Amino acid sequence: MEVTVIEVLKQMAVAIPSIMVGTQAITAAIHGAFKIENKNVVHALSWIIATLAGLGFVAFNGLDFGLPQVWNYVIGGACGLLVGGAANGVYDWPWIEKIFDAITALFGKKIEKSTK
């Protein structure tokens, strides 16, 4: 069976939003139940939950990217890490912002945020 990049991306388009919703709900529940005030603990918790949710999505949902089983878990874990990054504001990190600026420069004019 031949695996195409577009097929993997289609599956990730299902996995990432699902993992995101689950991660936010579980993190908020734990944060509220245990009244965690330390932001670093909350950030670490969301990274861990997101990664485990990505792996769990493959294990329990049977998500199959058409790859050998170990690679399904690798991609599921990577999806979880992407969600963990999104949940923790990775897009605000200066070096990530530079990467996005470089990609934007390749395809056209950068659109500035309005401060109104």
PDB file of N, CA and C in Angstrom:
ATOM      1  N   MET A   1       0.836  -1.177   0.000  1.00  0.00           N
ATOM      2  CA  MET A   1       0.000   0.000   0.000  1.00  0.00           C
ATOM      3  C   MET A   1       0.882   1.243   0.000  1.00  0.00           C
ATOM      4  N   GLU A   2       0.610   2.148  -0.914  1.00  0.00           N
ATOM      5  CA  GLU A   2       1.393   3.369  -1.028  1.00  0.00           C
ATOM      6  C   GLU A   2       0.784   4.467  -0.155  1.00  0.00           C
ATOM      7  N   VAL A   3       1.639   5.138   0.605  1.00  0.00           N
ATOM      8  CA  VAL A   3       1.196   6.211   1.488  1.00  0.00           C
ATOM      9  C   VAL A   3       1.577   7.539   0.846  1.00  0.00           C
ATOM     10  N   THR A   4       0.582   8.419   0.707  1.00  0.00           N
ATOM     11  CA  THR A   4       0.868   9.733   0.150  1.00  0.00           C
ATOM     12  C   THR A   4       0.829  10.774   1.261  1.00  0.00           C
ATOM     13  N   VAL A   5       1.538  11.844   1.042  1.00  0.00           N
ATOM     14  CA  VAL A   5       1.584  12.931   2.014  1.00  0.00           C
ATOM     15  C   VAL A   5       0.189  13.503   2.227  1.00  0.00           C
ATOM     16  N   ILE A   6      -0.582  13.620   1.170  1.00  0.00           N
ATOM     17  CA  ILE A   6      -1.925  14.195   1.282  1.00  0.00           C
ATOM     18  C   ILE A   6      -2.816  13.335   2.178  1.00  0.00           C
ATOM     19  N   GLU A   7      -2.651  12.013   2.134  1.00  0.00           N
ATOM     20  CA  GLU A   7      -3.438  11.131   2.995  1.00  0.00           C
ATOM     21  C   GLU A   7      -3.060  11.323   4.458  1.00  0.00           C
ATOM     22  N   VAL A   8      -1.767  11.447   4.724  1.00  0.00           N
ATOM     23  CA  VAL A   8      -1.318  11.694   6.095  1.00  0.00           C
ATOM     24  C   VAL A   8      -1.845  13.042   6.582  1.00  0.00           C
ATOM     25  N   LEU A   9      -1.799  14.072   5.741  1.00  0.00           N
ATOM     26  CA  LEU A   9      -2.314  15.383   6.124  1.00  0.00           C
ATOM     27  C   LEU A   9      -3.815  15.361   6.384  1.00  0.00           C
ATOM     28  N   LYS A  10      -4.556  14.590   5.590  1.00  0.00           N
ATOM     29  CA  LYS A  10      -6.000  14.458   5.815  1.00  0.00           C
ATOM     30  C   LYS A  10      -6.283  13.857   7.190  1.00  0.00           C
ATOM     31  N   GLN A  11      -5.537  12.826   7.526  1.00  0.00           N
ATOM     32  CA  GLN A  11      -5.725  12.184   8.836  1.00  0.00           C
ATOM     33  C   GLN A  11      -5.334  13.137   9.961  1.00  0.00           C
ATOM     34  N   MET A  12      -4.255  13.909   9.757  1.00  0.00           N
ATOM     35  CA  MET A  12      -3.832  14.871  10.772  1.00  0.00           C
ATOM     36  C   MET A  12      -4.876  15.968  10.941  1.00  0.00           C
ATOM     37  N   ALA A  13      -5.596  16.289   9.872  1.00  0.00           N
ATOM     38  CA  ALA A  13      -6.649  17.302   9.951  1.00  0.00           C
ATOM     39  C   ALA A  13      -7.799  16.836  10.835  1.00  0.00           C
ATOM     40  N   VAL A  14      -7.934  15.547  11.019  1.00  0.00           N
ATOM     41  CA  VAL A  14      -8.921  14.997  11.944  1.00  0.00           C
ATOM     42  C   VAL A  14      -8.321  14.888  13.346  1.00  0.00           C
ATOM     43  N   ALA A  15      -7.086  14.423  13.414  1.00  0.00           N
ATOM     44  CA  ALA A  15      -6.461  14.153  14.706  1.00  0.00           C
ATOM     45  C   ALA A  15      -6.171  15.422  15.501  1.00  0.00           C
ATOM     46  N   ILE A  16      -5.578  16.426  14.879  1.00  0.00           N
ATOM     47  CA  ILE A  16      -5.136  17.612  15.622  1.00  0.00           C
ATOM     48  C   ILE A  16      -6.292  18.351  16.294  1.00  0.00           C
ATOM     49  N   PRO A  17      -7.392  18.670  15.596  1.00  0.00           N
ATOM     50  CA  PRO A  17      -8.491  19.344  16.308  1.00  0.00           C
ATOM     51  C   PRO A  17      -9.085  18.495  17.436  1.00  0.00           C
ATOM     52  N   SER A  18      -9.161  17.200  17.225  1.00  0.00           N
ATOM     53  CA  SER A  18      -9.696  16.316  18.259  1.00  0.00           C
ATOM     54  C   SER A  18      -8.788  16.302  19.482  1.00  0.00           C
ATOM     55  N   ILE A  19      -7.497  16.213  19.249  1.00  0.00           N
ATOM     56  CA  ILE A  19      -6.530  16.226  20.349  1.00  0.00           C
ATOM     57  C   ILE A  19      -6.581  17.573  21.061  1.00  0.00           C
ATOM     58  N   MET A  20      -6.731  18.654  20.293  1.00  0.00           N
ATOM     59  CA  MET A  20      -6.769  19.991  20.878  1.00  0.00           C
ATOM     60  C   MET A  20      -7.947  20.143  21.839  1.00  0.00           C
ATOM     61  N   VAL A  21      -9.110  19.713  21.412  1.00  0.00           N
ATOM     62  CA  VAL A  21     -10.295  19.818  22.266  1.00  0.00           C
ATOM     63  C   VAL A  21     -10.111  18.983  23.533  1.00  0.00           C
ATOM     64  N   GLY A  22      -9.653  17.771  23.367  1.00  0.00           N
ATOM     65  CA  GLY A  22      -9.440  16.902  24.524  1.00  0.00           C
ATOM     66  C   GLY A  22      -8.398  17.451  25.475  1.00  0.00           C
ATOM     67  N   THR A  23      -7.310  17.957  24.932  1.00  0.00           N
ATOM     68  CA  THR A  23      -6.238  18.505  25.759  1.00  0.00           C
ATOM     69  C   THR A  23      -6.722  19.707  26.560  1.00  0.00           C
ATOM     70  N   GLN A  24      -7.418  20.619  25.903  1.00  0.00           N
ATOM     71  CA  GLN A  24      -7.905  21.816  26.601  1.00  0.00           C
ATOM     72  C   GLN A  24      -8.887  21.442  27.706  1.00  0.00           C
ATOM     73  N   ALA A  25      -9.781  20.504  27.416  1.00  0.00           N
ATOM     74  CA  ALA A  25     -10.779  20.103  28.410  1.00  0.00           C
ATOM     75  C   ALA A  25     -10.134  19.410  29.606  1.00  0.00           C
ATOM     76  N   ILE A  26      -9.234  18.477  29.346  1.00  0.00           N
ATOM     77  CA  ILE A  26      -8.597  17.732  30.437  1.00  0.00           C
ATOM     78  C   ILE A  26      -7.688  18.641  31.256  1.00  0.00           C
ATOM     79  N   THR A  27      -6.913  19.496  30.584  1.00  0.00           N
ATOM     80  CA  THR A  27      -6.032  20.418  31.303  1.00  0.00           C
ATOM     81  C   THR A  27      -6.841  21.369  32.172  1.00  0.00           C
ATOM     82  N   ALA A  28      -7.917  21.913  31.630  1.00  0.00           N
ATOM     83  CA  ALA A  28      -8.762  22.836  32.407  1.00  0.00           C
ATOM     84  C   ALA A  28      -9.390  22.119  33.600  1.00  0.00           C
ATOM     85  N   ALA A  29      -9.816  20.880  33.409  1.00  0.00           N
ATOM     86  CA  ALA A  29     -10.418  20.121  34.501  1.00  0.00           C
ATOM     87  C   ALA A  29      -9.411  19.864  35.621  1.00  0.00           C
ATOM     88  N   ILE A  30      -8.211  19.442  35.262  1.00  0.00           N
ATOM     89  CA  ILE A  30      -7.173  19.184  36.266  1.00  0.00           C
ATOM     90  C   ILE A  30      -6.756  20.492  36.940  1.00  0.00           C
ATOM     91  N   HIS A  31      -6.595  21.543  36.140  1.00  0.00           N
ATOM     92  CA  HIS A  31      -6.215  22.855  36.667  1.00  0.00           C
ATOM     93  C   HIS A  31      -7.242  23.339  37.691  1.00  0.00           C
ATOM     94  N   GLY A  32      -8.524  23.178  37.371  1.00  0.00           N
ATOM     95  CA  GLY A  32      -9.577  23.614  38.278  1.00  0.00           C
ATOM     96  C   GLY A  32      -9.735  22.718  39.489  1.00  0.00           C
ATOM     97  N   ALA A  33      -9.651  21.414  39.289  1.00  0.00           N
ATOM     98  CA  ALA A  33      -9.855  20.466  40.376  1.00  0.00           C
ATOM     99  C   ALA A  33      -8.759  20.561  41.436  1.00  0.00           C
ATOM    100  N   PHE A  34      -7.535  20.768  40.985  1.00  0.00           N
ATOM    101  CA  PHE A  34      -6.411  20.815  41.926  1.00  0.00           C
ATOM    102  C   PHE A  34      -5.954  22.236  42.230  1.00  0.00           C
ATOM    103  N   LYS A  35      -6.651  23.221  41.659  1.00  0.00           N
ATOM    104  CA  LYS A  35      -6.355  24.642  41.889  1.00  0.00           C
ATOM    105  C   LYS A  35      -4.856  24.953  41.710  1.00  0.00           C
ATOM    106  N   ILE A  36      -4.339  24.544  40.567  1.00  0.00           N
ATOM    107  CA  ILE A  36      -2.923  24.754  40.254  1.00  0.00           C
ATOM    108  C   ILE A  36      -2.721  26.214  39.875  1.00  0.00           C
ATOM    109  N   GLU A  37      -1.845  26.888  40.582  1.00  0.00           N
ATOM    110  CA  GLU A  37      -1.592  28.310  40.348  1.00  0.00           C
ATOM    111  C   GLU A  37      -0.299  28.563  39.568  1.00  0.00           C
ATOM    112  N   ASN A  38       0.639  27.647  39.619  1.00  0.00           N
ATOM    113  CA  ASN A  38       1.932  27.815  38.961  1.00  0.00           C
ATOM    114  C   ASN A  38       1.773  27.611  37.453  1.00  0.00           C
ATOM    115  N   LYS A  39       2.040  28.673  36.674  1.00  0.00           N
ATOM    116  CA  LYS A  39       1.864  28.598  35.213  1.00  0.00           C
ATOM    117  C   LYS A  39       2.789  27.574  34.570  1.00  0.00           C
ATOM    118  N   ASN A  40       3.993  27.410  35.126  1.00  0.00           N
ATOM    119  CA  ASN A  40       4.918  26.424  34.561  1.00  0.00           C
ATOM    120  C   ASN A  40       4.377  25.009  34.702  1.00  0.00           C
ATOM    121  N   VAL A  41       3.713  24.735  35.818  1.00  0.00           N
ATOM    122  CA  VAL A  41       3.117  23.414  36.025  1.00  0.00           C
ATOM    123  C   VAL A  41       1.966  23.204  35.040  1.00  0.00           C
ATOM    124  N   VAL A  42       1.156  24.237  34.838  1.00  0.00           N
ATOM    125  CA  VAL A  42       0.033  24.142  33.900  1.00  0.00           C
ATOM    126  C   VAL A  42       0.557  23.925  32.483  1.00  0.00           C
ATOM    127  N   HIS A  43       1.624  24.631  32.114  1.00  0.00           N
ATOM    128  CA  HIS A  43       2.213  24.464  30.777  1.00  0.00           C
ATOM    129  C   HIS A  43       2.749  23.051  30.602  1.00  0.00           C
ATOM    130  N   ALA A  44       3.487  22.558  31.593  1.00  0.00           N
ATOM    131  CA  ALA A  44       4.032  21.199  31.509  1.00  0.00           C
ATOM    132  C   ALA A  44       2.896  20.176  31.427  1.00  0.00           C
ATOM    133  N   LEU A  45       1.856  20.404  32.219  1.00  0.00           N
ATOM    134  CA  LEU A  45       0.707  19.512  32.214  1.00  0.00           C
ATOM    135  C   LEU A  45       0.052  19.458  30.836  1.00  0.00           C
ATOM    136  N   SER A  46      -0.106  20.615  30.200  1.00  0.00           N
ATOM    137  CA  SER A  46      -0.743  20.613  28.876  1.00  0.00           C
ATOM    138  C   SER A  46       0.144  19.958  27.823  1.00  0.00           C
ATOM    139  N   TRP A  47       1.479  20.102  27.917  1.00  0.00           N
ATOM    140  CA  TRP A  47       2.378  19.408  26.989  1.00  0.00           C
ATOM    141  C   TRP A  47       2.244  17.892  27.153  1.00  0.00           C
ATOM    142  N   ILE A  48       2.232  17.443  28.399  1.00  0.00           N
ATOM    143  CA  ILE A  48       2.147  16.001  28.676  1.00  0.00           C
ATOM    144  C   ILE A  48       0.803  15.442  28.220  1.00  0.00           C
ATOM    145  N   ILE A  49      -0.281  16.141  28.573  1.00  0.00           N
ATOM    146  CA  ILE A  49      -1.610  15.668  28.193  1.00  0.00           C
ATOM    147  C   ILE A  49      -1.760  15.650  26.673  1.00  0.00           C
ATOM    148  N   ALA A  50      -1.263  16.680  25.993  1.00  0.00           N
ATOM    149  CA  ALA A  50      -1.373  16.737  24.536  1.00  0.00           C
ATOM    150  C   ALA A  50      -0.634  15.572  23.878  1.00  0.00           C
ATOM    151  N   THR A  51       0.559  15.283  24.357  1.00  0.00           N
ATOM    152  CA  THR A  51       1.336  14.187  23.776  1.00  0.00           C
ATOM    153  C   THR A  51       0.659  12.840  24.039  1.00  0.00           C
ATOM    154  N   LEU A  52       0.195  12.649  25.268  1.00  0.00           N
ATOM    155  CA  LEU A  52      -0.508  11.402  25.585  1.00  0.00           C
ATOM    156  C   LEU A  52      -1.814  11.282  24.802  1.00  0.00           C
ATOM    157  N   ALA A  53      -2.497  12.412  24.601  1.00  0.00           N
ATOM    158  CA  ALA A  53      -3.737  12.391  23.815  1.00  0.00           C
ATOM    159  C   ALA A  53      -3.445  12.009  22.363  1.00  0.00           C
ATOM    160  N   GLY A  54      -2.340  12.499  21.818  1.00  0.00           N
ATOM    161  CA  GLY A  54      -1.956  12.125  20.455  1.00  0.00           C
ATOM    162  C   GLY A  54      -1.686  10.638  20.327  1.00  0.00           C
ATOM    163  N   LEU A  55      -0.982  10.089  21.308  1.00  0.00           N
ATOM    164  CA  LEU A  55      -0.711   8.648  21.305  1.00  0.00           C
ATOM    165  C   LEU A  55      -1.995   7.860  21.536  1.00  0.00           C
ATOM    166  N   GLY A  56      -2.828   8.361  22.449  1.00  0.00           N
ATOM    167  CA  GLY A  56      -4.098   7.705  22.735  1.00  0.00           C
ATOM    168  C   GLY A  56      -5.050   7.741  21.557  1.00  0.00           C
ATOM    169  N   PHE A  57      -4.991   8.823  20.805  1.00  0.00           N
ATOM    170  CA  PHE A  57      -5.856   8.937  19.625  1.00  0.00           C
ATOM    171  C   PHE A  57      -5.545   7.815  18.645  1.00  0.00           C
ATOM    172  N   VAL A  58      -4.290   7.494  18.496  1.00  0.00           N
ATOM    173  CA  VAL A  58      -3.899   6.380  17.616  1.00  0.00           C
ATOM    174  C   VAL A  58      -4.314   5.048  18.241  1.00  0.00           C
ATOM    175  N   ALA A  59      -4.049   4.891  19.537  1.00  0.00           N
ATOM    176  CA  ALA A  59      -4.316   3.612  20.204  1.00  0.00           C
ATOM    177  C   ALA A  59      -5.812   3.294  20.298  1.00  0.00           C
ATOM    178  N   PHE A  60      -6.603   4.262  20.725  1.00  0.00           N
ATOM    179  CA  PHE A  60      -8.016   3.981  20.999  1.00  0.00           C
ATOM    180  C   PHE A  60      -8.935   4.238  19.815  1.00  0.00           C
ATOM    181  N   ASN A  61      -8.547   5.179  18.975  1.00  0.00           N
ATOM    182  CA  ASN A  61      -9.382   5.477  17.820  1.00  0.00           C
ATOM    183  C   ASN A  61      -8.993   4.601  16.630  1.00  0.00           C
ATOM    184  N   GLY A  62      -7.851   3.947  16.755  1.00  0.00           N
ATOM    185  CA  GLY A  62      -7.407   3.100  15.668  1.00  0.00           C
ATOM    186  C   GLY A  62      -6.960   3.890  14.451  1.00  0.00           C
ATOM    187  N   LEU A  63      -6.581   5.139  14.666  1.00  0.00           N
ATOM    188  CA  LEU A  63      -6.142   5.992  13.564  1.00  0.00           C
ATOM    189  C   LEU A  63      -4.964   5.329  12.865  1.00  0.00           C
ATOM    190  N   ASP A  64      -5.061   5.234  11.573  1.00  0.00           N
ATOM    191  CA  ASP A  64      -4.041   4.546  10.798  1.00  0.00           C
ATOM    192  C   ASP A  64      -3.622   5.449   9.648  1.00  0.00           C
ATOM    193  N   PHE A  65      -2.382   5.896   9.677  1.00  0.00           N
ATOM    194  CA  PHE A  65      -1.863   6.760   8.626  1.00  0.00           C
ATOM    195  C   PHE A  65      -1.386   5.956   7.429  1.00  0.00           C
ATOM    196  N   GLY A  66      -1.592   4.647   7.450  1.00  0.00           N
ATOM    197  CA  GLY A  66      -1.161   3.788   6.357  1.00  0.00           C
ATOM    198  C   GLY A  66       0.316   3.455   6.439  1.00  0.00           C
ATOM    199  N   LEU A  67       0.874   3.637   7.599  1.00  0.00           N
ATOM    200  CA  LEU A  67       2.295   3.379   7.815  1.00  0.00           C
ATOM    201  C   LEU A  67       2.440   2.201   8.775  1.00  0.00           C
ATOM    202  N   PRO A  68       3.660   1.685   8.944  1.00  0.00           N
ATOM    203  CA  PRO A  68       3.856   0.666   9.978  1.00  0.00           C
ATOM    204  C   PRO A  68       3.397   1.211  11.340  1.00  0.00           C
ATOM    205  N   GLN A  69       2.905   0.338  12.199  1.00  0.00           N
ATOM    206  CA  GLN A  69       2.268   0.739  13.452  1.00  0.00           C
ATOM    207  C   GLN A  69       3.117   1.699  14.278  1.00  0.00           C
ATOM    208  N   VAL A  70       4.403   1.472  14.371  1.00  0.00           N
ATOM    209  CA  VAL A  70       5.244   2.363  15.176  1.00  0.00           C
ATOM    210  C   VAL A  70       5.217   3.793  14.627  1.00  0.00           C
ATOM    211  N   TRP A  71       5.145   3.940  13.308  1.00  0.00           N
ATOM    212  CA  TRP A  71       5.102   5.278  12.714  1.00  0.00           C
ATOM    213  C   TRP A  71       3.757   5.958  12.934  1.00  0.00           C
ATOM    214  N   ASN A  72       2.688   5.168  13.056  1.00  0.00           N
ATOM    215  CA  ASN A  72       1.403   5.751  13.417  1.00  0.00           C
ATOM    216  C   ASN A  72       1.502   6.440  14.777  1.00  0.00           C
ATOM    217  N   TYR A  73       2.184   5.788  15.719  1.00  0.00           N
ATOM    218  CA  TYR A  73       2.360   6.383  17.049  1.00  0.00           C
ATOM    219  C   TYR A  73       3.292   7.595  17.000  1.00  0.00           C
ATOM    220  N   VAL A  74       4.306   7.547  16.164  1.00  0.00           N
ATOM    221  CA  VAL A  74       5.206   8.688  16.021  1.00  0.00           C
ATOM    222  C   VAL A  74       4.426   9.905  15.506  1.00  0.00           C
ATOM    223  N   ILE A  75       3.608   9.707  14.492  1.00  0.00           N
ATOM    224  CA  ILE A  75       2.825  10.819  13.945  1.00  0.00           C
ATOM    225  C   ILE A  75       1.771  11.269  14.947  1.00  0.00           C
ATOM    226  N   GLY A  76       1.136  10.335  15.663  1.00  0.00           N
ATOM    227  CA  GLY A  76       0.180  10.703  16.708  1.00  0.00           C
ATOM    228  C   GLY A  76       0.834  11.527  17.795  1.00  0.00           C
ATOM    229  N   GLY A  77       2.029  11.120  18.222  1.00  0.00           N
ATOM    230  CA  GLY A  77       2.773  11.886  19.222  1.00  0.00           C
ATOM    231  C   GLY A  77       3.179  13.253  18.704  1.00  0.00           C
ATOM    232  N   ALA A  78       3.569  13.322  17.434  1.00  0.00           N
ATOM    233  CA  ALA A  78       3.928  14.612  16.828  1.00  0.00           C
ATOM    234  C   ALA A  78       2.716  15.539  16.768  1.00  0.00           C
ATOM    235  N   CYS A  79       1.549  14.982  16.453  1.00  0.00           N
ATOM    236  CA  CYS A  79       0.320  15.778  16.469  1.00  0.00           C
ATOM    237  C   CYS A  79       0.080  16.324  17.872  1.00  0.00           C
ATOM    238  N   GLY A  80       0.302  15.483  18.872  1.00  0.00           N
ATOM    239  CA  GLY A  80       0.160  15.923  20.263  1.00  0.00           C
ATOM    240  C   GLY A  80       1.128  17.032  20.601  1.00  0.00           C
ATOM    241  N   LEU A  81       2.357  16.924  20.131  1.00  0.00           N
ATOM    242  CA  LEU A  81       3.340  17.990  20.392  1.00  0.00           C
ATOM    243  C   LEU A  81       2.949  19.289  19.701  1.00  0.00           C
ATOM    244  N   LEU A  82       2.386  19.193  18.494  1.00  0.00           N
ATOM    245  CA  LEU A  82       1.898  20.399  17.817  1.00  0.00           C
ATOM    246  C   LEU A  82       0.790  21.063  18.622  1.00  0.00           C
ATOM    247  N   VAL A  83      -0.107  20.258  19.146  1.00  0.00           N
ATOM    248  CA  VAL A  83      -1.191  20.785  19.969  1.00  0.00           C
ATOM    249  C   VAL A  83      -0.634  21.391  21.252  1.00  0.00           C
ATOM    250  N   GLY A  84       0.327  20.714  21.877  1.00  0.00           N
ATOM    251  CA  GLY A  84       0.956  21.255  23.088  1.00  0.00           C
ATOM    252  C   GLY A  84       1.611  22.596  22.819  1.00  0.00           C
ATOM    253  N   GLY A  85       2.244  22.716  21.665  1.00  0.00           N
ATOM    254  CA  GLY A  85       2.847  23.992  21.293  1.00  0.00           C
ATOM    255  C   GLY A  85       1.809  25.072  21.096  1.00  0.00           C
ATOM    256  N   ALA A  86       0.718  24.726  20.443  1.00  0.00           N
ATOM    257  CA  ALA A  86      -0.352  25.699  20.222  1.00  0.00           C
ATOM    258  C   ALA A  86      -0.979  26.122  21.547  1.00  0.00           C
ATOM    259  N   ALA A  87      -1.160  25.176  22.447  1.00  0.00           N
ATOM    260  CA  ALA A  87      -1.775  25.477  23.740  1.00  0.00           C
ATOM    261  C   ALA A  87      -0.879  26.352  24.613  1.00  0.00           C
ATOM    262  N   ASN A  88       0.413  26.280  24.389  1.00  0.00           N
ATOM    263  CA  ASN A  88       1.357  27.022  25.233  1.00  0.00           C
ATOM    264  C   ASN A  88       1.938  28.258  24.559  1.00  0.00           C
ATOM    265  N   GLY A  89       1.338  28.690  23.473  1.00  0.00           N
ATOM    266  CA  GLY A  89       1.769  29.929  22.842  1.00  0.00           C
ATOM    267  C   GLY A  89       3.083  29.831  22.094  1.00  0.00           C
ATOM    268  N   VAL A  90       3.386  28.680  21.501  1.00  0.00           N
ATOM    269  CA  VAL A  90       4.640  28.505  20.779  1.00  0.00           C
ATOM    270  C   VAL A  90       4.757  29.505  19.627  1.00  0.00           C
ATOM    271  N   TYR A  91       3.615  29.966  19.111  1.00  0.00           N
ATOM    272  CA  TYR A  91       3.645  30.884  17.984  1.00  0.00           C
ATOM    273  C   TYR A  91       4.131  32.273  18.391  1.00  0.00           C
ATOM    274  N   ASP A  92       4.209  32.531  19.693  1.00  0.00           N
ATOM    275  CA  ASP A  92       4.714  33.810  20.182  1.00  0.00           C
ATOM    276  C   ASP A  92       6.216  33.783  20.438  1.00  0.00           C
ATOM    277  N   TRP A  93       6.834  32.614  20.375  1.00  0.00           N
ATOM    278  CA  TRP A  93       8.270  32.524  20.601  1.00  0.00           C
ATOM    279  C   TRP A  93       8.982  33.230  19.451  1.00  0.00           C
ATOM    280  N   PRO A  94       9.990  34.060  19.743  1.00  0.00           N
ATOM    281  CA  PRO A  94      10.651  34.855  18.697  1.00  0.00           C
ATOM    282  C   PRO A  94      11.196  34.032  17.530  1.00  0.00           C
ATOM    283  N   TRP A  95      11.829  32.909  17.792  1.00  0.00           N
ATOM    284  CA  TRP A  95      12.421  32.142  16.686  1.00  0.00           C
ATOM    285  C   TRP A  95      11.342  31.468  15.848  1.00  0.00           C
ATOM    286  N   ILE A  96      10.217  31.102  16.433  1.00  0.00           N
ATOM    287  CA  ILE A  96       9.100  30.540  15.651  1.00  0.00           C
ATOM    288  C   ILE A  96       8.490  31.642  14.792  1.00  0.00           C
ATOM    289  N   GLU A  97       8.359  32.830  15.374  1.00  0.00           N
ATOM    290  CA  GLU A  97       7.811  33.955  14.625  1.00  0.00           C
ATOM    291  C   GLU A  97       8.692  34.279  13.415  1.00  0.00           C
ATOM    292  N   LYS A  98       9.999  34.162  13.567  1.00  0.00           N
ATOM    293  CA  LYS A  98      10.912  34.398  12.436  1.00  0.00           C
ATOM    294  C   LYS A  98      10.704  33.365  11.322  1.00  0.00           C
ATOM    295  N   ILE A  99      10.450  32.128  11.714  1.00  0.00           N
ATOM    296  CA  ILE A  99      10.192  31.084  10.713  1.00  0.00           C
ATOM    297  C   ILE A  99       8.927  31.416   9.929  1.00  0.00           C
ATOM    298  N   PHE A 100       7.868  31.802  10.639  1.00  0.00           N
ATOM    299  CA  PHE A 100       6.622  32.163   9.963  1.00  0.00           C
ATOM    300  C   PHE A 100       6.797  33.413   9.101  1.00  0.00           C
ATOM    301  N   ASP A 101       7.603  34.372   9.572  1.00  0.00           N
ATOM    302  CA  ASP A 101       7.880  35.568   8.770  1.00  0.00           C
ATOM    303  C   ASP A 101       8.613  35.204   7.485  1.00  0.00           C
ATOM    304  N   ALA A 102       9.557  34.261   7.583  1.00  0.00           N
ATOM    305  CA  ALA A 102      10.300  33.829   6.391  1.00  0.00           C
ATOM    306  C   ALA A 102       9.376  33.124   5.396  1.00  0.00           C
ATOM    307  N   ILE A 103       8.472  32.304   5.903  1.00  0.00           N
ATOM    308  CA  ILE A 103       7.515  31.619   5.020  1.00  0.00           C
ATOM    309  C   ILE A 103       6.601  32.639   4.355  1.00  0.00           C
ATOM    310  N   THR A 104       6.145  33.611   5.137  1.00  0.00           N
ATOM    311  CA  THR A 104       5.276  34.660   4.606  1.00  0.00           C
ATOM    312  C   THR A 104       6.006  35.470   3.541  1.00  0.00           C
ATOM    313  N   ALA A 105       7.285  35.745   3.765  1.00  0.00           N
ATOM    314  CA  ALA A 105       8.070  36.515   2.797  1.00  0.00           C
ATOM    315  C   ALA A 105       8.187  35.773   1.466  1.00  0.00           C
ATOM    316  N   LEU A 106       8.178  34.456   1.512  1.00  0.00           N
ATOM    317  CA  LEU A 106       8.250  33.673   0.279  1.00  0.00           C
ATOM    318  C   LEU A 106       6.990  33.816  -0.570  1.00  0.00           C
ATOM    319  N   PHE A 107       5.858  33.996   0.089  1.00  0.00           N
ATOM    320  CA  PHE A 107       4.582  33.975  -0.615  1.00  0.00           C
ATOM    321  C   PHE A 107       3.904  35.325  -0.752  1.00  0.00           C
ATOM    322  N   GLY A 108       4.494  36.358  -0.239  1.00  0.00           N
ATOM    323  CA  GLY A 108       3.867  37.672  -0.411  1.00  0.00           C
ATOM    324  C   GLY A 108       4.117  38.600   0.749  1.00  0.00           C
ATOM    325  N   LYS A 109       3.374  39.671   0.731  1.00  0.00           N
ATOM    326  CA  LYS A 109       3.518  40.727   1.707  1.00  0.00           C
ATOM    327  C   LYS A 109       3.016  40.286   3.086  1.00  0.00           C
ATOM    328  N   LYS A 110       3.741  40.665   4.123  1.00  0.00           N
ATOM    329  CA  LYS A 110       3.349  40.341   5.487  1.00  0.00           C
ATOM    330  C   LYS A 110       2.168  41.221   5.890  1.00  0.00           C
ATOM    331  N   ILE A 111       1.192  40.622   6.522  1.00  0.00           N
ATOM    332  CA  ILE A 111       0.022  41.359   7.007  1.00  0.00           C
ATOM    333  C   ILE A 111       0.234  41.655   8.468  1.00  0.00           C
ATOM    334  N   GLU A 112       0.221  42.914   8.825  1.00  0.00           N
ATOM    335  CA  GLU A 112       0.436  43.322  10.211  1.00  0.00           C
ATOM    336  C   GLU A 112      -0.860  43.268  10.991  1.00  0.00           C
ATOM    337  N   LYS A 113      -0.762  42.941  12.279  1.00  0.00           N
ATOM    338  CA  LYS A 113      -1.928  42.945  13.144  1.00  0.00           C
ATOM    339  C   LYS A 113      -2.320  44.378  13.444  1.00  0.00           C
ATOM    340  N   SER A 114      -3.601  44.623  13.498  1.00  0.00           N
ATOM    341  CA  SER A 114      -4.108  45.931  13.857  1.00  0.00           C
ATOM    342  C   SER A 114      -4.115  46.063  15.364  1.00  0.00           C
ATOM    343  N   THR A 115      -3.696  47.203  15.877  1.00  0.00           N
ATOM    344  CA  THR A 115      -3.664  47.420  17.322  1.00  0.00           C
ATOM    345  C   THR A 115      -4.845  48.271  17.790  1.00  0.00           C
ATOM    346  N   LYS A 116      -5.882  48.350  16.984  1.00  0.00           N
ATOM    347  CA  LYS A 116      -7.045  49.166  17.344  1.00  0.00           C
ATOM    348  C   LYS A 116      -7.854  48.534  18.431  1.00  0.00           C
TER     349      LYS A 116
END
